[in-house]
Amino acid sequence: MAVDELLLEQAAAGGPPCLRLYAWDRPTVSLGYFQSLDEMPAGHRDRFAVVRRPTGGGAILHDRELTYAVAVSRNRMDGAALYDRVNRALLRAVRALGVEADVREPQGESRAQRGPFFCFARTGATDIIARSRKLAGSAQRRRGGAVLQHGSILLETDQAGAVGIAQAAGRPVTFADLTVETVRGFEQEFGVRLEPHDLSAEETRRADEIRRRRYGSQQWLMRGNRKGHP
């Protein structure tokens, strides 16, 4: 999460757009920026690692999935356009893997999601749906003239109301398969050639500073977006 916030900082400073793809080394619940840790259902806090995202939306149990982060200056693209373009890129990816999917049709609601504590127990106008169940969800944070968008694309799941790509495709789909097609989907949708990039020594130092100050802080985890936590 500290690296994703670093990407937001860099985009706000005029840096180029960036796509980050990653997995989790253990099942972890990420709280949305505005959620309270006290709202977490009994038992989950003891079963899973818990972090807080810089983006909004409901809590996500990160496990068998591909997580992405996109950061871009709002001079290049506003938040609403970013949702739409990213969803089109992801649809290219999941369809290439043999999954029939589409973006949920809005029914008069805003893009802001409300409802159950966990993200995949709710559906909103920016979600990708397959077999009438939620396959991918996303949330944003706008700060300093830039937008950070987080999203989870499920590979496999037993969460009610959700479906993984492997389940929807009816065959095994690996993290590597999904990663390759996601990169290809972004390249095709945005008309770019993505280049791998490792964090520099300075970027690593700054990400670690953000982690210590915010994401490694028990106070930040407990309080989130409360007074004194911009």
C-alpha atoms as a PDB file:
ATOM      1  CA  MET A   1       0.000   0.000   0.000  1.00  0.00           C
ATOM      2  CA  ALA A   2       2.891   2.351   0.667  1.00  0.00           C
ATOM      3  CA  VAL A   3       4.200   1.745  -2.869  1.00  0.00           C
ATOM      4  CA  ASP A   4       0.758   2.512  -4.307  1.00  0.00           C
ATOM      5  CA  GLU A   5       0.634   5.774  -2.365  1.00  0.00           C
ATOM      6  CA  LEU A   6       4.104   6.568  -3.709  1.00  0.00           C
ATOM      7  CA  LEU A   7       2.730   6.122  -7.238  1.00  0.00           C
ATOM      8  CA  LEU A   8      -0.055   8.585  -6.395  1.00  0.00           C
ATOM      9  CA  GLU A   9       2.508  11.100  -5.144  1.00  0.00           C
ATOM     10  CA  GLN A  10       4.553  10.755  -8.311  1.00  0.00           C
ATOM     11  CA  ALA A  11       1.513  11.186 -10.568  1.00  0.00           C
ATOM     12  CA  ALA A  12       0.521  14.319  -8.626  1.00  0.00           C
ATOM     13  CA  ALA A  13       4.034  15.680  -9.206  1.00  0.00           C
ATOM     14  CA  GLY A  14       3.638  15.235 -12.967  1.00  0.00           C
ATOM     15  CA  GLY A  15       5.107  11.761 -13.313  1.00  0.00           C
ATOM     16  CA  PRO A  16       3.969   9.396 -16.072  1.00  0.00           C
ATOM     17  CA  PRO A  17       0.979   7.067 -15.610  1.00  0.00           C
ATOM     18  CA  CYS A  18       1.875   3.781 -13.948  1.00  0.00           C
ATOM     19  CA  LEU A  19       0.318   0.313 -13.685  1.00  0.00           C
ATOM     20  CA  ARG A  20       1.365  -1.954 -10.810  1.00  0.00           C
ATOM     21  CA  LEU A  21       0.327  -5.637 -10.631  1.00  0.00           C
ATOM     22  CA  TYR A  22       0.890  -7.752  -7.554  1.00  0.00           C
ATOM     23  CA  ALA A  23      -0.220 -10.690  -5.398  1.00  0.00           C
ATOM     24  CA  TRP A  24      -0.311 -11.258  -1.625  1.00  0.00           C
ATOM     25  CA  ASP A  25       1.939 -13.603   0.333  1.00  0.00           C
ATOM     26  CA  ARG A  26      -0.894 -14.493   2.739  1.00  0.00           C
ATOM     27  CA  PRO A  27      -4.665 -13.875   2.945  1.00  0.00           C
ATOM     28  CA  THR A  28      -5.091 -10.244   3.996  1.00  0.00           C
ATOM     29  CA  VAL A  29      -8.074  -7.977   4.577  1.00  0.00           C
ATOM     30  CA  SER A  30      -7.643  -4.414   3.309  1.00  0.00           C
ATOM     31  CA  LEU A  31      -9.992  -1.854   4.842  1.00  0.00           C
ATOM     32  CA  GLY A  32     -11.322   0.955   2.677  1.00  0.00           C
ATOM     33  CA  TYR A  33     -10.034   4.432   3.477  1.00  0.00           C
ATOM     34  CA  PHE A  34     -13.224   5.460   5.288  1.00  0.00           C
ATOM     35  CA  GLN A  35     -13.987   2.181   7.064  1.00  0.00           C
ATOM     36  CA  SER A  36     -13.621   1.589  10.781  1.00  0.00           C
ATOM     37  CA  LEU A  37     -11.736  -1.457  12.019  1.00  0.00           C
ATOM     38  CA  ASP A  38     -14.519  -1.863  14.587  1.00  0.00           C
ATOM     39  CA  GLU A  39     -16.939  -2.690  11.752  1.00  0.00           C
ATOM     40  CA  MET A  40     -15.032  -5.852  10.811  1.00  0.00           C
ATOM     41  CA  PRO A  41     -17.085  -9.006  11.430  1.00  0.00           C
ATOM     42  CA  ALA A  42     -16.134 -10.995  14.495  1.00  0.00           C
ATOM     43  CA  GLY A  43     -13.388 -13.513  13.881  1.00  0.00           C
ATOM     44  CA  HIS A  44     -11.857 -11.977  10.751  1.00  0.00           C
ATOM     45  CA  ARG A  45      -9.372  -9.814  12.614  1.00  0.00           C
ATOM     46  CA  ASP A  46      -7.885 -12.887  14.303  1.00  0.00           C
ATOM     47  CA  ARG A  47      -7.872 -15.036  11.144  1.00  0.00           C
ATOM     48  CA  PHE A  48      -6.282 -12.627   8.663  1.00  0.00           C
ATOM     49  CA  ALA A  49      -3.641  -9.947   8.422  1.00  0.00           C
ATOM     50  CA  VAL A  50      -5.295  -6.505   8.202  1.00  0.00           C
ATOM     51  CA  VAL A  51      -4.132  -3.352   6.404  1.00  0.00           C
ATOM     52  CA  ARG A  52      -5.818  -0.126   5.349  1.00  0.00           C
ATOM     53  CA  ARG A  53      -5.924   1.053   1.736  1.00  0.00           C
ATOM     54  CA  PRO A  54      -5.510   4.653   0.610  1.00  0.00           C
ATOM     55  CA  THR A  55      -8.560   4.105  -1.648  1.00  0.00           C
ATOM     56  CA  GLY A  56     -12.223   3.964  -0.674  1.00  0.00           C
ATOM     57  CA  GLY A  57     -14.837   1.240  -1.017  1.00  0.00           C
ATOM     58  CA  GLY A  58     -15.514  -1.828   1.068  1.00  0.00           C
ATOM     59  CA  ALA A  59     -13.045  -4.197   2.686  1.00  0.00           C
ATOM     60  CA  ILE A  60     -11.440  -6.833   0.459  1.00  0.00           C
ATOM     61  CA  LEU A  61     -10.127 -10.252   1.419  1.00  0.00           C
ATOM     62  CA  HIS A  62      -7.049 -10.511  -0.807  1.00  0.00           C
ATOM     63  CA  ASP A  63      -6.129 -14.115  -1.459  1.00  0.00           C
ATOM     64  CA  ARG A  64      -6.401 -15.912  -4.813  1.00  0.00           C
ATOM     65  CA  GLU A  65      -6.417 -12.824  -7.020  1.00  0.00           C
ATOM     66  CA  LEU A  66      -4.477 -10.317  -9.082  1.00  0.00           C
ATOM     67  CA  THR A  67      -4.387  -6.870  -7.509  1.00  0.00           C
ATOM     68  CA  TYR A  68      -3.705  -3.817  -9.654  1.00  0.00           C
ATOM     69  CA  ALA A  69      -2.996  -0.161  -8.974  1.00  0.00           C
ATOM     70  CA  VAL A  70      -3.120   2.599 -11.584  1.00  0.00           C
ATOM     71  CA  ALA A  71      -1.908   6.132 -10.872  1.00  0.00           C
ATOM     72  CA  VAL A  72      -2.386   8.998 -13.296  1.00  0.00           C
ATOM     73  CA  SER A  73      -2.429  12.791 -13.268  1.00  0.00           C
ATOM     74  CA  ARG A  74      -5.945  14.223 -13.519  1.00  0.00           C
ATOM     75  CA  ASN A  75      -4.609  16.498 -16.264  1.00  0.00           C
ATOM     76  CA  ARG A  76      -4.364  13.338 -18.355  1.00  0.00           C
ATOM     77  CA  MET A  77      -7.566  11.602 -17.225  1.00  0.00           C
ATOM     78  CA  ASP A  78     -10.231  12.219 -14.604  1.00  0.00           C
ATOM     79  CA  GLY A  79     -11.528   9.588 -12.231  1.00  0.00           C
ATOM     80  CA  ALA A  80     -14.699   8.715 -14.144  1.00  0.00           C
ATOM     81  CA  ALA A  81     -12.816   8.235 -17.418  1.00  0.00           C
ATOM     82  CA  LEU A  82     -10.192   6.131 -15.633  1.00  0.00           C
ATOM     83  CA  TYR A  83     -12.841   3.752 -14.283  1.00  0.00           C
ATOM     84  CA  ASP A  84     -14.239   3.289 -17.788  1.00  0.00           C
ATOM     85  CA  ARG A  85     -10.905   2.811 -19.558  1.00  0.00           C
ATOM     86  CA  VAL A  86      -9.546   0.412 -16.944  1.00  0.00           C
ATOM     87  CA  ASN A  87     -12.728  -1.649 -17.076  1.00  0.00           C
ATOM     88  CA  ARG A  88     -12.421  -1.929 -20.845  1.00  0.00           C
ATOM     89  CA  ALA A  89      -8.809  -3.090 -20.436  1.00  0.00           C
ATOM     90  CA  LEU A  90      -9.845  -5.695 -17.866  1.00  0.00           C
ATOM     91  CA  LEU A  91     -12.707  -6.915 -20.048  1.00  0.00           C
ATOM     92  CA  ARG A  92     -10.199  -7.507 -22.844  1.00  0.00           C
ATOM     93  CA  ALA A  93      -8.118  -9.566 -20.406  1.00  0.00           C
ATOM     94  CA  VAL A  94     -10.868 -11.760 -18.974  1.00  0.00           C
ATOM     95  CA  ARG A  95     -12.500 -12.332 -22.350  1.00  0.00           C
ATOM     96  CA  ALA A  96      -9.135 -13.444 -23.758  1.00  0.00           C
ATOM     97  CA  LEU A  97      -9.154 -16.082 -21.014  1.00  0.00           C
ATOM     98  CA  GLY A  98     -12.522 -17.362 -22.165  1.00  0.00           C
ATOM     99  CA  VAL A  99     -14.787 -15.584 -19.675  1.00  0.00           C
ATOM    100  CA  GLU A 100     -17.950 -13.828 -20.799  1.00  0.00           C
ATOM    101  CA  ALA A 101     -18.095 -10.705 -18.657  1.00  0.00           C
ATOM    102  CA  ASP A 102     -19.352  -7.137 -18.730  1.00  0.00           C
ATOM    103  CA  VAL A 103     -19.544  -4.024 -16.592  1.00  0.00           C
ATOM    104  CA  ARG A 104     -22.593  -3.903 -14.360  1.00  0.00           C
ATOM    105  CA  GLU A 105     -25.273  -1.717 -15.889  1.00  0.00           C
ATOM    106  CA  PRO A 106     -25.841   1.382 -13.724  1.00  0.00           C
ATOM    107  CA  GLN A 107     -29.369   1.613 -12.318  1.00  0.00           C
ATOM    108  CA  GLY A 108     -29.479   5.227 -11.297  1.00  0.00           C
ATOM    109  CA  GLU A 109     -26.891   4.874  -8.526  1.00  0.00           C
ATOM    110  CA  SER A 110     -23.717   6.909  -8.280  1.00  0.00           C
ATOM    111  CA  ARG A 111     -20.309   5.319  -8.683  1.00  0.00           C
ATOM    112  CA  ALA A 112     -19.780   5.515  -4.945  1.00  0.00           C
ATOM    113  CA  GLN A 113     -20.529   2.136  -3.390  1.00  0.00           C
ATOM    114  CA  ARG A 114     -22.489   1.625  -0.188  1.00  0.00           C
ATOM    115  CA  GLY A 115     -23.616  -1.521   1.505  1.00  0.00           C
ATOM    116  CA  PRO A 116     -22.055  -4.576   3.183  1.00  0.00           C
ATOM    117  CA  PHE A 117     -18.665  -4.378   4.876  1.00  0.00           C
ATOM    118  CA  PHE A 118     -16.921  -6.530   2.258  1.00  0.00           C
ATOM    119  CA  CYS A 119     -16.538  -5.181  -1.281  1.00  0.00           C
ATOM    120  CA  PHE A 120     -17.403  -8.439  -3.043  1.00  0.00           C
ATOM    121  CA  ALA A 121     -20.709  -8.697  -1.171  1.00  0.00           C
ATOM    122  CA  ARG A 122     -21.892  -5.512  -2.914  1.00  0.00           C
ATOM    123  CA  THR A 123     -22.092  -4.475  -6.549  1.00  0.00           C
ATOM    124  CA  GLY A 124     -21.769  -1.010  -8.048  1.00  0.00           C
ATOM    125  CA  ALA A 125     -21.678   0.709 -11.404  1.00  0.00           C
ATOM    126  CA  THR A 126     -17.948   0.106 -11.895  1.00  0.00           C
ATOM    127  CA  ASP A 127     -17.865  -3.631 -11.165  1.00  0.00           C
ATOM    128  CA  ILE A 128     -17.179  -6.390 -13.680  1.00  0.00           C
ATOM    129  CA  ILE A 129     -19.731  -9.189 -13.595  1.00  0.00           C
ATOM    130  CA  ALA A 130     -19.535 -12.748 -14.911  1.00  0.00           C
ATOM    131  CA  ARG A 131     -22.226 -15.403 -14.508  1.00  0.00           C
ATOM    132  CA  SER A 132     -24.299 -12.789 -12.636  1.00  0.00           C
ATOM    133  CA  ARG A 133     -21.626 -12.567  -9.935  1.00  0.00           C
ATOM    134  CA  LYS A 134     -18.888 -10.085  -9.158  1.00  0.00           C
ATOM    135  CA  LEU A 135     -15.535 -10.886 -10.773  1.00  0.00           C
ATOM    136  CA  ALA A 136     -13.616  -7.636 -10.254  1.00  0.00           C
ATOM    137  CA  GLY A 137     -14.120  -4.522  -8.163  1.00  0.00           C
ATOM    138  CA  SER A 138     -12.282  -1.225  -7.863  1.00  0.00           C
ATOM    139  CA  ALA A 139     -12.038   1.989  -5.851  1.00  0.00           C
ATOM    140  CA  GLN A 140     -10.248   5.311  -6.182  1.00  0.00           C
ATOM    141  CA  ARG A 141      -8.485   8.034  -4.250  1.00  0.00           C
ATOM    142  CA  ARG A 142      -8.090  11.522  -5.663  1.00  0.00           C
ATOM    143  CA  ARG A 143      -5.389  13.689  -4.158  1.00  0.00           C
ATOM    144  CA  GLY A 144      -3.104  16.496  -5.258  1.00  0.00           C
ATOM    145  CA  GLY A 145      -4.263  16.581  -8.871  1.00  0.00           C
ATOM    146  CA  ALA A 146      -3.879  12.820  -9.394  1.00  0.00           C
ATOM    147  CA  VAL A 147      -5.982   9.652  -9.170  1.00  0.00           C
ATOM    148  CA  LEU A 148      -5.056   6.269  -7.722  1.00  0.00           C
ATOM    149  CA  GLN A 149      -7.292   3.346  -8.642  1.00  0.00           C
ATOM    150  CA  HIS A 150      -7.079  -0.014  -6.885  1.00  0.00           C
ATOM    151  CA  GLY A 151      -8.777  -3.181  -8.058  1.00  0.00           C
ATOM    152  CA  SER A 152      -8.979  -6.912  -7.411  1.00  0.00           C
ATOM    153  CA  ILE A 153      -9.545  -9.534 -10.113  1.00  0.00           C
ATOM    154  CA  LEU A 154     -10.479 -12.862  -8.573  1.00  0.00           C
ATOM    155  CA  LEU A 155      -8.845 -16.071  -9.762  1.00  0.00           C
ATOM    156  CA  GLU A 156     -10.828 -18.347  -7.453  1.00  0.00           C
ATOM    157  CA  THR A 157     -13.149 -17.575  -4.557  1.00  0.00           C
ATOM    158  CA  ASP A 158     -15.699 -19.021  -2.196  1.00  0.00           C
ATOM    159  CA  GLN A 159     -17.142 -15.611  -1.284  1.00  0.00           C
ATOM    160  CA  ALA A 160     -20.910 -15.369  -1.657  1.00  0.00           C
ATOM    161  CA  GLY A 161     -21.951 -13.301  -4.673  1.00  0.00           C
ATOM    162  CA  ALA A 162     -18.506 -13.486  -6.271  1.00  0.00           C
ATOM    163  CA  VAL A 163     -16.867 -15.660  -8.920  1.00  0.00           C
ATOM    164  CA  GLY A 164     -13.265 -16.269  -9.922  1.00  0.00           C
ATOM    165  CA  ILE A 165     -11.944 -16.354 -13.470  1.00  0.00           C
ATOM    166  CA  ALA A 166     -11.024 -20.036 -13.209  1.00  0.00           C
ATOM    167  CA  GLN A 167     -14.543 -20.836 -12.032  1.00  0.00           C
ATOM    168  CA  ALA A 168     -16.177 -18.716 -14.726  1.00  0.00           C
ATOM    169  CA  ALA A 169     -13.930 -20.167 -17.447  1.00  0.00           C
ATOM    170  CA  GLY A 170     -14.413 -23.731 -16.218  1.00  0.00           C
ATOM    171  CA  ARG A 171     -10.678 -24.451 -16.360  1.00  0.00           C
ATOM    172  CA  PRO A 172      -7.500 -23.665 -14.431  1.00  0.00           C
ATOM    173  CA  VAL A 173      -6.240 -20.085 -14.856  1.00  0.00           C
ATOM    174  CA  THR A 174      -2.961 -19.135 -13.197  1.00  0.00           C
ATOM    175  CA  PHE A 175      -1.772 -15.840 -11.789  1.00  0.00           C
ATOM    176  CA  ALA A 176       0.751 -15.688 -14.645  1.00  0.00           C
ATOM    177  CA  ASP A 177      -2.009 -16.241 -17.239  1.00  0.00           C
ATOM    178  CA  LEU A 178      -4.068 -13.403 -15.806  1.00  0.00           C
ATOM    179  CA  THR A 179      -1.047 -11.110 -15.498  1.00  0.00           C
ATOM    180  CA  VAL A 180      -0.047 -11.580 -19.149  1.00  0.00           C
ATOM    181  CA  GLU A 181      -3.560 -10.899 -20.409  1.00  0.00           C
ATOM    182  CA  THR A 182      -4.037  -7.915 -18.096  1.00  0.00           C
ATOM    183  CA  VAL A 183      -0.863  -6.284 -19.387  1.00  0.00           C
ATOM    184  CA  ARG A 184      -1.987  -6.989 -22.954  1.00  0.00           C
ATOM    185  CA  GLY A 185      -5.442  -5.586 -22.223  1.00  0.00           C
ATOM    186  CA  PHE A 186      -4.002  -2.319 -20.889  1.00  0.00           C
ATOM    187  CA  GLU A 187      -1.625  -2.002 -23.817  1.00  0.00           C
ATOM    188  CA  GLN A 188      -4.438  -2.508 -26.329  1.00  0.00           C
ATOM    189  CA  GLU A 189      -6.919  -0.230 -24.576  1.00  0.00           C
ATOM    190  CA  PHE A 190      -4.493   2.639 -23.987  1.00  0.00           C
ATOM    191  CA  GLY A 191      -2.405   2.173 -27.123  1.00  0.00           C
ATOM    192  CA  VAL A 192       0.860   1.985 -25.183  1.00  0.00           C
ATOM    193  CA  ARG A 193       3.785  -0.353 -24.643  1.00  0.00           C
ATOM    194  CA  LEU A 194       4.233  -1.039 -20.929  1.00  0.00           C
ATOM    195  CA  GLU A 195       7.813  -1.260 -19.713  1.00  0.00           C
ATOM    196  CA  PRO A 196       8.803  -3.087 -16.476  1.00  0.00           C
ATOM    197  CA  HIS A 197      10.254  -0.801 -13.832  1.00  0.00           C
ATOM    198  CA  ASP A 198      11.883  -1.656 -10.492  1.00  0.00           C
ATOM    199  CA  LEU A 199      11.803   0.865  -7.676  1.00  0.00           C
ATOM    200  CA  SER A 200      14.908   3.006  -7.494  1.00  0.00           C
ATOM    201  CA  ALA A 201      16.816   3.358  -4.235  1.00  0.00           C
ATOM    202  CA  GLU A 202      15.146   6.735  -3.634  1.00  0.00           C
ATOM    203  CA  GLU A 203      11.679   5.338  -4.410  1.00  0.00           C
ATOM    204  CA  THR A 204      12.296   2.437  -2.044  1.00  0.00           C
ATOM    205  CA  ARG A 205      13.385   4.853   0.678  1.00  0.00           C
ATOM    206  CA  ARG A 206      10.290   7.006   0.188  1.00  0.00           C
ATOM    207  CA  ALA A 207       7.930   4.001   0.158  1.00  0.00           C
ATOM    208  CA  ASP A 208       9.485   2.769   3.393  1.00  0.00           C
ATOM    209  CA  GLU A 209       9.035   6.210   4.934  1.00  0.00           C
ATOM    210  CA  ILE A 210       5.333   6.171   3.957  1.00  0.00           C
ATOM    211  CA  ARG A 211       4.972   2.644   5.356  1.00  0.00           C
ATOM    212  CA  ARG A 212       6.495   3.570   8.717  1.00  0.00           C
ATOM    213  CA  ARG A 213       4.482   6.766   9.042  1.00  0.00           C
ATOM    214  CA  ARG A 214       1.138   5.394   7.917  1.00  0.00           C
ATOM    215  CA  TYR A 215       0.672   1.740   6.951  1.00  0.00           C
ATOM    216  CA  GLY A 216       2.852   0.351   9.714  1.00  0.00           C
ATOM    217  CA  SER A 217       1.063   2.471  12.312  1.00  0.00           C
ATOM    218  CA  GLN A 218      -1.511   0.805  14.548  1.00  0.00           C
ATOM    219  CA  GLN A 219      -3.131   4.212  15.041  1.00  0.00           C
ATOM    220  CA  TRP A 220      -3.601   4.575  11.264  1.00  0.00           C
ATOM    221  CA  LEU A 221      -5.059   1.079  11.027  1.00  0.00           C
ATOM    222  CA  MET A 222      -7.492   1.771  13.851  1.00  0.00           C
ATOM    223  CA  ARG A 223      -8.547   5.290  12.933  1.00  0.00           C
ATOM    224  CA  GLY A 224      -8.194   5.607   9.173  1.00  0.00           C
ATOM    225  CA  ASN A 225      -9.636   8.808   7.764  1.00  0.00           C
ATOM    226  CA  ARG A 226     -10.195  10.623  11.001  1.00  0.00           C
ATOM    227  CA  LYS A 227      -8.908  13.961  12.285  1.00  0.00           C
ATOM    228  CA  GLY A 228      -5.146  14.171  12.000  1.00  0.00           C
ATOM    229  CA  HIS A 229      -4.900  11.584   9.219  1.00  0.00           C
ATOM    230  CA  PRO A 230      -4.966  13.350   5.824  1.00  0.00           C
END
